[in-house]
């Protein structure tokens, strides 16, 4: 069984041209959205409704006005935002399918309802107008809701903390009320998982908001099934740092879940996978009518079929099991070194050293959390490890966050004594935080030893945090 509790439904105002030709990509008008919401609710799923306030795709590069709103003034547009939002929600309420979460706008980095709602340029009133639109959408939710429905504002570029802080500072200064920050994060476009983690922590602490990675995906292959070039090719694979394979897709998603679970103040809620069913190339990102609306010329097809969690024949891949991963228990104690404060002998961990110097101690970083550091002003060789017992046979995953001096002689995460050959991965290739993973570990003897080993000349360092061992199958 796969644990999924929500679906995200996008809503376009009028995704048809004057002759009634659909724009494609699901043609998510209100009629279709109502049907999908009813199907989801009947299956016991919750619904996140994503208002685009446009007739077709919107993102930081385009926020087109709906055709019916083209000639409206700012004041009229603001009224339309409220009345349209309220009308949609009242229709859903009357059918017993009111959404469980509402997203006001889609990837709002550059605003909405251009040109009036742009977040940059113009006459200096940019955020004032954008905030006015957002407040009207929020008020429509409050006026129609049956209970306190969580409201989401959604931004792209999840690894860009400064961009999020700029935007959220402006919006919170305008007193826009919302509960959740939705984040688009694709590892080949939006930075490292460490950068995403830093951004999510900042959102949690600076604004006291929940976070949801509301769009993400990764490739299970580099093969292409249709005429449109895939979004993930070998170039993006290299940028992401994960192999474009079934295992690579699963590894990325489970690493992502770990980051969401680690958000400060327990404010990480979960993730939504973007278009996990575009697996056979039969769905086009746009019809010719849709392309005409956007003013672009392109081939039909989609760039996403190699990022579905099904193969080209519709068979479920390992990546779909990542939806269960959030329920898995970390089998290591004191895995993030928070139990003791500053110490040279962290609880639940054993220390080995060759000689008198271990170089091991825990230190505070990022103001509130602890890491474990290896460092000495003399040459040192040491390790820190745990032995875990009472393990059932099966497939396990070991991961760690680490950063260090690339001049270290040796720095390795390892697992051994589990019924197979020792496995290890080097931790000395990044001077910024990076997640390292050993996947597909087959434990057969009921136990294992997990540790980090470092051998170094003087003044070379390694920092580690968030060591995780979980059974995945």
Protein backbone atom coordinates (compact mmCIF):
# COMPACT_ATOMS: atom_id res chain seq x y z
CA UNK A 1 0.00 0.00 0.00
CA UNK A 2 1.22 3.51 -0.85
CA UNK A 3 0.51 6.25 1.69
CA UNK A 4 -0.96 9.26 -0.10
CA UNK A 5 -3.45 11.51 1.69
CA UNK A 6 -3.77 14.55 -0.62
CA UNK A 7 -4.23 15.44 -4.27
CA UNK A 8 -3.40 18.86 -5.71
CA UNK A 9 -5.78 20.13 -8.37
CA UNK A 10 -4.89 23.13 -10.52
CA UNK A 11 -7.71 25.36 -11.73
CA UNK A 12 -7.72 27.52 -14.87
CA UNK A 13 -10.44 30.08 -15.54
CA UNK A 14 -11.21 29.42 -19.23
CA UNK A 15 -8.73 27.05 -20.94
CA UNK A 16 -10.37 27.23 -24.39
CA UNK A 17 -9.98 29.50 -27.42
CA UNK A 18 -12.84 31.39 -29.09
CA UNK A 19 -13.70 28.31 -31.17
CA UNK A 20 -13.91 26.05 -28.13
CA UNK A 21 -10.55 24.35 -28.71
CA UNK A 22 -9.06 23.16 -25.42
CA UNK A 23 -5.61 24.32 -24.35
CA UNK A 24 -4.63 20.82 -23.20
CA UNK A 25 -2.52 19.48 -20.30
CA UNK A 26 -5.68 18.24 -18.64
CA UNK A 27 -7.82 21.26 -19.53
CA UNK A 28 -8.43 21.91 -15.84
CA UNK A 29 -11.50 24.11 -15.95
CA UNK A 30 -14.00 24.26 -13.10
CA UNK A 31 -16.18 21.45 -14.43
CA UNK A 32 -13.25 19.03 -14.60
CA UNK A 33 -11.89 20.18 -11.26
CA UNK A 34 -15.23 19.52 -9.57
CA UNK A 35 -15.29 16.00 -10.98
CA UNK A 36 -11.72 15.30 -9.92
CA UNK A 37 -12.31 16.69 -6.44
CA UNK A 38 -15.37 14.46 -6.04
CA UNK A 39 -13.40 11.39 -7.14
CA UNK A 40 -10.62 12.22 -4.69
CA UNK A 41 -12.99 12.80 -1.78
CA UNK A 42 -14.80 9.55 -2.53
CA UNK A 43 -11.45 7.77 -2.21
CA UNK A 44 -10.85 9.34 1.19
CA UNK A 45 -8.27 11.80 -0.10
CA UNK A 46 -7.95 15.45 0.86
CA UNK A 47 -7.85 18.16 -1.82
CA UNK A 48 -5.48 21.10 -2.25
CA UNK A 49 -7.03 23.51 -4.76
CA UNK A 50 -4.51 25.58 -6.74
CA UNK A 51 -6.01 28.80 -8.12
CA UNK A 52 -3.94 29.97 -11.11
CA UNK A 53 -6.05 33.08 -11.85
CA UNK A 54 -5.28 32.59 -15.52
CA UNK A 55 -6.61 30.56 -18.44
CA UNK A 56 -3.48 28.40 -18.69
CA UNK A 57 -0.01 27.86 -17.22
CA UNK A 58 1.46 30.53 -14.94
CA UNK A 59 4.91 30.61 -13.33
CA UNK A 60 7.56 33.24 -12.53
CA UNK A 61 8.01 33.90 -16.26
CA UNK A 62 4.36 34.54 -17.10
CA UNK A 63 1.22 35.51 -15.21
CA UNK A 64 -1.32 36.19 -17.95
CA UNK A 65 -4.70 37.71 -17.26
CA UNK A 66 -7.74 35.54 -18.01
CA UNK A 67 -9.30 36.55 -21.33
CA UNK A 68 -12.50 37.68 -19.63
CA UNK A 69 -10.55 40.01 -17.33
CA UNK A 70 -8.33 41.60 -19.99
CA UNK A 71 -9.88 45.07 -20.01
CA UNK A 72 -10.53 45.41 -16.31
CA UNK A 73 -9.03 48.12 -14.13
CA UNK A 74 -7.07 47.27 -11.01
CA UNK A 75 -10.16 47.75 -8.86
CA UNK A 76 -12.25 45.56 -11.15
CA UNK A 77 -9.57 42.86 -11.18
CA UNK A 78 -9.47 42.88 -7.41
CA UNK A 79 -13.24 42.42 -7.33
CA UNK A 80 -12.94 39.58 -9.85
CA UNK A 81 -10.36 37.78 -7.71
CA UNK A 82 -12.75 37.80 -4.77
CA UNK A 83 -15.93 36.93 -6.65
CA UNK A 84 -14.32 34.21 -8.77
CA UNK A 85 -12.63 32.58 -5.77
CA UNK A 86 -15.80 32.73 -3.68
CA UNK A 87 -17.96 31.36 -6.51
CA UNK A 88 -15.67 28.37 -7.08
CA UNK A 89 -15.51 27.59 -3.38
CA UNK A 90 -19.25 27.96 -2.89
CA UNK A 91 -19.87 25.53 -5.74
CA UNK A 92 -17.50 23.06 -4.14
CA UNK A 93 -19.16 23.55 -0.76
CA UNK A 94 -22.61 22.96 -2.23
CA UNK A 95 -21.40 19.61 -3.61
CA UNK A 96 -19.78 18.58 -0.35
CA UNK A 97 -16.25 18.76 -1.74
CA UNK A 98 -14.87 21.96 -0.20
CA UNK A 99 -11.06 21.84 -0.45
CA UNK A 100 -9.01 20.95 2.59
CA UNK A 101 -6.31 23.46 1.65
CA UNK A 102 -6.40 26.41 -0.76
CA UNK A 103 -3.49 27.82 -2.74
CA UNK A 104 -3.93 31.46 -3.78
CA UNK A 105 -1.88 31.84 -6.97
CA UNK A 106 0.82 29.69 -8.51
CA UNK A 107 4.59 30.30 -8.29
CA UNK A 108 4.12 33.91 -7.25
CA UNK A 109 7.77 35.04 -7.22
CA UNK A 110 7.03 37.62 -9.91
CA UNK A 111 3.47 38.26 -8.79
CA UNK A 112 0.14 37.49 -10.46
CA UNK A 113 -2.34 39.06 -12.87
CA UNK A 114 0.25 41.01 -14.83
CA UNK A 115 0.85 43.88 -15.22
CA UNK A 116 -1.04 45.11 -12.14
CA UNK A 117 0.15 42.40 -9.77
CA UNK A 118 3.83 42.25 -10.71
CA UNK A 119 6.19 41.98 -7.76
CA UNK A 120 8.91 43.99 -9.49
CA UNK A 121 9.23 47.06 -11.69
CA UNK A 122 6.44 49.55 -12.21
CA UNK A 123 5.68 52.60 -10.12
CA UNK A 124 6.69 51.41 -6.66
CA UNK A 125 3.24 50.09 -5.74
CA UNK A 126 4.00 46.60 -6.95
CA UNK A 127 3.71 44.70 -3.69
CA UNK A 128 0.82 46.85 -2.53
CA UNK A 129 -1.25 45.76 -5.52
CA UNK A 130 -0.10 42.14 -5.32
CA UNK A 131 -0.95 42.03 -1.63
CA UNK A 132 -4.38 43.47 -2.37
CA UNK A 133 -5.10 40.66 -4.83
CA UNK A 134 -3.87 38.05 -2.36
CA UNK A 135 -5.94 39.49 0.47
CA UNK A 136 -9.05 39.30 -1.71
CA UNK A 137 -8.41 35.65 -2.48
CA UNK A 138 -7.76 34.91 1.18
CA UNK A 139 -10.92 36.73 2.24
CA UNK A 140 -12.98 34.67 -0.19
CA UNK A 141 -11.70 31.53 1.51
CA UNK A 142 -12.54 32.88 4.94
CA UNK A 143 -16.03 33.93 3.83
CA UNK A 144 -16.89 30.53 2.35
CA UNK A 145 -15.05 28.04 4.54
CA UNK A 146 -16.78 25.62 6.86
CA UNK A 147 -13.78 25.41 9.18
CA UNK A 148 -10.32 26.96 9.37
CA UNK A 149 -9.03 25.99 5.94
CA UNK A 150 -5.23 26.32 5.62
CA UNK A 151 -4.19 28.88 3.02
CA UNK A 152 -1.00 28.47 0.99
CA UNK A 153 1.13 30.98 -0.90
CA UNK A 154 3.43 29.31 -3.44
CA UNK A 155 6.89 30.28 -4.68
CA UNK A 156 9.37 28.62 -7.05
CA UNK A 157 13.17 28.22 -6.73
CA UNK A 158 13.12 26.40 -3.41
CA UNK A 159 16.87 26.60 -2.85
CA UNK A 160 16.95 30.42 -3.05
CA UNK A 161 16.58 31.58 0.55
CA UNK A 162 17.24 35.24 -0.27
CA UNK A 163 14.50 35.35 -2.93
CA UNK A 164 11.98 33.78 -0.58
CA UNK A 165 12.92 36.13 2.23
CA UNK A 166 12.64 39.18 -0.02
CA UNK A 167 9.17 38.16 -1.18
CA UNK A 168 7.84 36.97 2.17
CA UNK A 169 9.15 40.04 4.00
CA UNK A 170 7.22 42.24 1.57
CA UNK A 171 4.03 40.19 1.80
CA UNK A 172 4.06 39.84 5.59
CA UNK A 173 4.75 43.58 5.90
CA UNK A 174 1.55 44.05 3.89
CA UNK A 175 -0.32 41.89 6.47
CA UNK A 176 -1.41 39.19 4.04
CA UNK A 177 -2.83 36.32 6.10
CA UNK A 178 -1.72 32.79 5.22
CA UNK A 179 -0.65 29.57 6.94
CA UNK A 180 1.66 27.64 4.63
CA UNK A 181 4.48 28.44 2.22
CA UNK A 182 4.35 26.15 -0.81
CA UNK A 183 7.70 25.51 -2.46
CA UNK A 184 8.63 24.32 -5.94
CA UNK A 185 11.87 22.39 -5.73
CA UNK A 186 13.41 20.49 -8.63
CA UNK A 187 17.00 19.42 -7.80
CA UNK A 188 18.33 20.10 -11.30
CA UNK A 189 17.00 23.70 -11.35
CA UNK A 190 16.71 24.92 -7.78
CA UNK A 191 19.96 24.27 -5.93
CA UNK A 192 21.00 21.63 -3.43
CA UNK A 193 18.93 19.92 -0.78
CA UNK A 194 21.06 21.70 1.81
CA UNK A 195 20.00 25.04 0.33
CA UNK A 196 16.37 23.93 0.34
CA UNK A 197 16.74 22.90 3.98
CA UNK A 198 18.21 26.27 4.93
CA UNK A 199 15.32 28.02 3.19
CA UNK A 200 12.66 25.87 4.88
CA UNK A 201 14.23 26.43 8.30
CA UNK A 202 14.28 30.17 7.68
CA UNK A 203 10.60 30.17 6.71
CA UNK A 204 9.75 28.23 9.86
CA UNK A 205 11.72 30.46 12.21
CA UNK A 206 11.40 33.91 10.61
CA UNK A 207 7.69 33.74 9.76
CA UNK A 208 6.45 30.83 11.93
CA UNK A 209 4.86 29.21 8.88
CA UNK A 210 4.44 25.61 7.85
CA UNK A 211 6.16 24.51 4.65
CA UNK A 212 5.13 22.07 1.92
CA UNK A 213 7.26 21.14 -1.09
CA UNK A 214 4.24 21.48 -3.31
CA UNK A 215 6.04 20.65 -6.56
CA UNK A 216 8.93 18.26 -7.07
CA UNK A 217 9.99 15.43 -9.38
CA UNK A 218 13.02 13.55 -10.62
CA UNK A 219 13.91 11.25 -13.51
CA UNK A 220 13.81 7.46 -13.51
CA UNK A 221 15.58 7.23 -16.90
CA UNK A 222 17.12 9.44 -19.59
CA UNK A 223 15.04 7.78 -22.31
CA UNK A 224 12.56 9.93 -24.22
CA UNK A 225 9.25 8.61 -25.53
CA UNK A 226 7.97 11.54 -27.60
CA UNK A 227 9.17 14.36 -29.83
CA UNK A 228 9.58 16.94 -27.06
CA UNK A 229 12.97 17.13 -25.36
CA UNK A 230 12.86 15.99 -21.76
CA UNK A 231 13.33 18.46 -18.93
CA UNK A 232 15.91 16.10 -17.43
CA UNK A 233 18.77 15.12 -19.73
CA UNK A 234 22.33 14.17 -18.85
CA UNK A 235 23.04 17.85 -18.13
CA UNK A 236 20.29 18.09 -15.50
CA UNK A 237 21.26 14.69 -14.10
CA UNK A 238 24.75 16.02 -13.41
CA UNK A 239 23.36 19.18 -11.82
CA UNK A 240 21.02 17.23 -9.54
CA UNK A 241 23.68 14.84 -8.29
CA UNK A 242 21.39 11.81 -8.54
CA UNK A 243 21.50 9.14 -11.22
CA UNK A 244 18.51 9.27 -13.57
CA UNK A 245 17.34 5.77 -12.70
CA UNK A 246 14.66 4.05 -10.67
CA UNK A 247 16.99 3.92 -7.67
CA UNK A 248 18.17 7.49 -8.22
CA UNK A 249 14.60 8.75 -8.28
CA UNK A 250 13.82 6.91 -5.05
CA UNK A 251 17.03 8.12 -3.41
CA UNK A 252 16.26 11.75 -4.23
CA UNK A 253 12.69 11.52 -2.95
CA UNK A 254 13.65 9.86 0.32
CA UNK A 255 16.45 12.40 0.86
CA UNK A 256 13.86 15.11 0.25
CA UNK A 257 11.50 13.58 2.80
CA UNK A 258 14.33 13.55 5.34
CA UNK A 259 14.85 17.28 4.80
CA UNK A 260 11.15 18.02 5.20
CA UNK A 261 10.97 15.96 8.40
CA UNK A 262 13.98 17.88 9.77
CA UNK A 263 12.48 21.38 9.31
CA UNK A 264 12.84 23.35 12.51
CA UNK A 265 9.88 23.48 14.91
CA UNK A 266 8.35 20.46 13.13
CA UNK A 267 6.95 22.79 10.47
CA UNK A 268 7.62 20.53 7.47
CA UNK A 269 4.32 19.00 6.39
CA UNK A 270 5.08 16.94 3.29
CA UNK A 271 5.42 17.04 -0.49
CA UNK A 272 3.36 16.80 -3.67
CA UNK A 273 4.83 15.10 -6.74
CA UNK A 274 4.25 17.09 -9.93
CA UNK A 275 2.58 15.07 -12.72
CA UNK A 276 3.56 11.60 -11.56
CA UNK A 277 1.24 10.10 -14.23
CA UNK A 278 2.64 11.73 -17.38
CA UNK A 279 4.41 8.47 -18.16
CA UNK A 280 3.53 7.52 -21.75
CA UNK A 281 3.92 10.73 -23.75
CA UNK A 282 0.22 10.80 -24.66
CA UNK A 283 -0.47 13.94 -22.63
CA UNK A 284 0.73 17.14 -24.28
CA UNK A 285 1.84 20.11 -22.22
CA UNK A 286 -0.30 22.20 -24.61
CA UNK A 287 -2.39 21.88 -27.76
CA UNK A 288 -1.87 24.26 -30.66
CA UNK A 289 -4.64 26.39 -29.16
CA UNK A 290 -2.81 26.49 -25.84
CA UNK A 291 0.47 27.42 -27.49
CA UNK A 292 -1.27 30.19 -29.40
CA UNK A 293 -2.69 31.56 -26.15
CA UNK A 294 0.81 31.66 -24.67
CA UNK A 295 2.30 33.10 -27.85
CA UNK A 296 4.78 30.26 -28.36
CA UNK A 297 5.56 27.78 -31.12
CA UNK A 298 6.52 24.31 -29.98
CA UNK A 299 5.98 20.61 -30.59
CA UNK A 300 3.26 18.70 -28.80
CA UNK A 301 4.11 16.07 -26.21
CA UNK A 302 5.56 16.64 -22.78
CA UNK A 303 9.02 16.87 -21.24
CA UNK A 304 8.08 14.85 -18.18
CA UNK A 305 7.48 11.20 -19.10
CA UNK A 306 10.89 10.15 -17.74
CA UNK A 307 10.01 11.77 -14.39
CA UNK A 308 6.81 9.86 -13.71
CA UNK A 309 6.78 7.23 -10.97
CA UNK A 310 5.60 4.71 -13.57
CA UNK A 311 7.56 3.32 -16.50
CA UNK A 312 6.49 3.96 -20.10
CA UNK A 313 4.11 0.97 -19.92
CA UNK A 314 2.44 2.19 -16.73
CA UNK A 315 4.15 -0.13 -14.26
CA UNK A 316 4.81 1.38 -10.83
CA UNK A 317 8.47 2.10 -10.09
CA UNK A 318 10.38 2.05 -6.84
CA UNK A 319 9.98 5.82 -6.54
CA UNK A 320 6.34 5.46 -5.60
CA UNK A 321 7.43 3.82 -2.34
CA UNK A 322 8.88 7.16 -1.27
CA UNK A 323 5.34 8.17 -0.33
CA UNK A 324 5.59 5.66 2.53
CA UNK A 325 9.05 6.77 3.58
CA UNK A 326 7.89 9.52 5.96
CA UNK A 327 6.40 6.84 8.20
CA UNK A 328 9.70 4.98 8.57
CA UNK A 329 11.64 5.06 11.84
CA UNK A 330 15.26 6.16 12.08
CA UNK A 331 17.05 3.29 13.81
CA UNK A 332 19.98 5.38 15.07
CA UNK A 333 20.00 7.11 18.45
CA UNK A 334 21.05 10.75 18.88
CA UNK A 335 21.33 10.90 15.11
CA UNK A 336 21.58 14.71 14.96
CA UNK A 337 23.81 15.10 18.04
CA UNK A 338 21.33 17.22 19.98
CA UNK A 339 21.16 15.20 23.21
CA UNK A 340 24.20 16.48 25.09
CA UNK A 341 24.90 20.02 23.95
CA UNK A 342 28.66 20.53 23.66
CA UNK A 343 30.53 17.28 24.27
CA UNK A 344 33.47 15.20 23.12
CA UNK A 345 31.59 11.95 23.79
CA UNK A 346 28.08 12.14 22.31
CA UNK A 347 25.49 9.79 23.80
CA UNK A 348 24.77 6.49 22.00
CA UNK A 349 27.91 6.79 19.87
CA UNK A 350 31.20 4.94 20.33
CA UNK A 351 34.51 6.64 19.56
CA UNK A 352 37.65 4.99 18.22
CA UNK A 353 40.95 6.82 17.84
CA UNK A 354 44.43 5.84 16.72
CA UNK A 355 46.53 7.47 19.42
CA UNK A 356 45.61 10.23 21.84
CA UNK A 357 43.69 12.54 19.52
CA UNK A 358 40.18 11.94 18.18
CA UNK A 359 39.40 15.47 17.02
CA UNK A 360 35.72 14.74 17.73
CA UNK A 361 33.31 17.16 19.40
CA UNK A 362 29.79 18.51 18.98
CA UNK A 363 29.31 22.19 18.24
CA UNK A 364 26.36 24.51 17.78
CA UNK A 365 25.73 25.95 14.33
CA UNK A 366 22.98 27.87 12.61
CA UNK A 367 22.26 29.39 16.06
CA UNK A 368 20.09 26.54 17.36
CA UNK A 369 21.24 23.10 16.20
CA UNK A 370 24.25 20.90 16.78
CA UNK A 371 26.62 19.13 14.44
CA UNK A 372 29.52 16.77 15.09
CA UNK A 373 32.95 17.94 13.98
CA UNK A 374 36.24 16.20 13.27
CA UNK A 375 39.21 18.59 13.59
CA UNK A 376 42.59 18.87 15.27
CA UNK A 377 45.66 21.05 14.98
CA UNK A 378 47.62 17.80 14.79
CA UNK A 379 47.27 14.79 12.50
CA UNK A 380 44.48 12.46 13.63
CA UNK A 381 42.67 9.23 12.77
CA UNK A 382 39.33 8.43 14.41
CA UNK A 383 35.80 7.19 13.93
CA UNK A 384 32.40 7.46 15.55
CA UNK A 385 29.98 4.57 15.26
CA UNK A 386 26.87 2.79 16.51
CA UNK A 387 26.05 -0.91 16.57
CA UNK A 388 22.36 -1.57 15.91
CA UNK A 389 20.76 -4.90 16.77
CA UNK A 390 17.39 -6.65 16.57
CA UNK A 391 17.03 -5.77 12.89
CA UNK A 392 14.67 -7.72 10.67
CA UNK A 393 16.05 -8.91 7.36
CA UNK A 394 15.34 -6.58 4.45
CA UNK A 395 16.46 -3.53 2.48
CA UNK A 396 17.85 -0.53 4.35
CA UNK A 397 19.04 2.96 3.49
CA UNK A 398 21.83 4.88 5.25
CA UNK A 399 22.32 8.62 4.74
CA UNK A 400 24.13 11.56 6.28
CA UNK A 401 24.55 15.31 5.83
CA UNK A 402 28.21 16.27 5.65
CA UNK A 403 30.62 19.00 4.59
CA UNK A 404 34.37 19.09 4.87
CA UNK A 405 37.82 20.01 3.76
CA UNK A 406 38.46 18.48 0.35
CA UNK A 407 42.07 17.98 1.43
CA UNK A 408 41.18 15.27 3.95
CA UNK A 409 43.13 12.06 3.38
CA UNK A 410 40.06 9.89 4.08
CA UNK A 411 36.51 10.68 5.20
CA UNK A 412 33.90 7.94 4.83
CA UNK A 413 30.42 6.94 5.89
CA UNK A 414 30.32 3.16 6.23
CA UNK A 415 28.12 0.23 7.16
CA UNK A 416 29.49 -3.22 7.96
CA UNK A 417 28.80 -6.44 9.88
CA UNK A 418 25.33 -6.66 8.38
CA UNK A 419 25.70 -9.97 6.53
CA UNK A 420 27.38 -8.55 3.43
CA UNK A 421 30.56 -6.77 2.38
CA UNK A 422 31.36 -3.42 3.97
CA UNK A 423 29.90 -0.50 2.03
CA UNK A 424 31.21 3.04 2.23
CA UNK A 425 30.97 6.41 0.53
CA UNK A 426 33.47 9.28 0.52
CA UNK A 427 32.45 12.47 2.34
CA UNK A 428 35.30 14.72 1.26
CA UNK A 429 34.06 16.15 -2.04
CA UNK A 430 32.03 19.14 -0.79
CA UNK A 431 32.86 22.12 1.42
CA UNK A 432 29.14 22.93 1.74
CA UNK A 433 26.40 20.77 3.24
CA UNK A 434 25.52 17.80 1.07
CA UNK A 435 23.46 14.64 1.60
CA UNK A 436 25.25 11.33 1.00
CA UNK A 437 23.41 8.02 0.70
CA UNK A 438 24.18 4.31 0.70
CA UNK A 439 21.12 2.61 -0.76
CA UNK A 440 19.92 -0.97 -1.22
CA UNK A 441 21.66 -2.37 1.87
CA UNK A 442 20.54 -5.98 2.38
CA UNK A 443 20.74 -6.73 6.10
CA UNK A 444 20.50 -10.46 6.72
CA UNK A 445 22.03 -11.16 10.14
CA UNK A 446 19.94 -8.93 12.43
CA UNK A 447 22.58 -6.28 13.10
CA UNK A 448 24.99 -3.75 11.62
CA UNK A 449 27.64 -1.22 12.50
CA UNK A 450 27.22 2.31 11.13
CA UNK A 451 29.94 4.92 11.41
CA UNK A 452 32.08 7.72 10.04
CA UNK A 453 35.85 7.27 9.71
CA UNK A 454 38.31 10.14 9.19
CA UNK A 455 42.07 10.17 8.68
CA UNK A 456 43.68 13.56 8.24
CA UNK A 457 46.71 15.75 8.54
CA UNK A 458 46.51 18.74 10.88
CA UNK A 459 43.87 21.44 10.51
CA UNK A 460 41.60 19.55 8.13
CA UNK A 461 37.94 19.23 9.14
CA UNK A 462 34.69 17.37 8.58
CA UNK A 463 31.21 18.26 9.88
CA UNK A 464 28.34 15.75 10.00
CA UNK A 465 24.68 15.84 10.99
CA UNK A 466 21.40 13.95 10.53
CA UNK A 467 22.68 10.38 10.26
CA UNK A 468 19.77 8.13 9.27
CA UNK A 469 19.31 4.37 8.97
CA UNK A 470 15.84 3.21 7.94
CA UNK A 471 14.33 0.00 6.68
CA UNK A 472 12.69 0.67 3.33
CA UNK A 473 11.51 -2.79 2.30
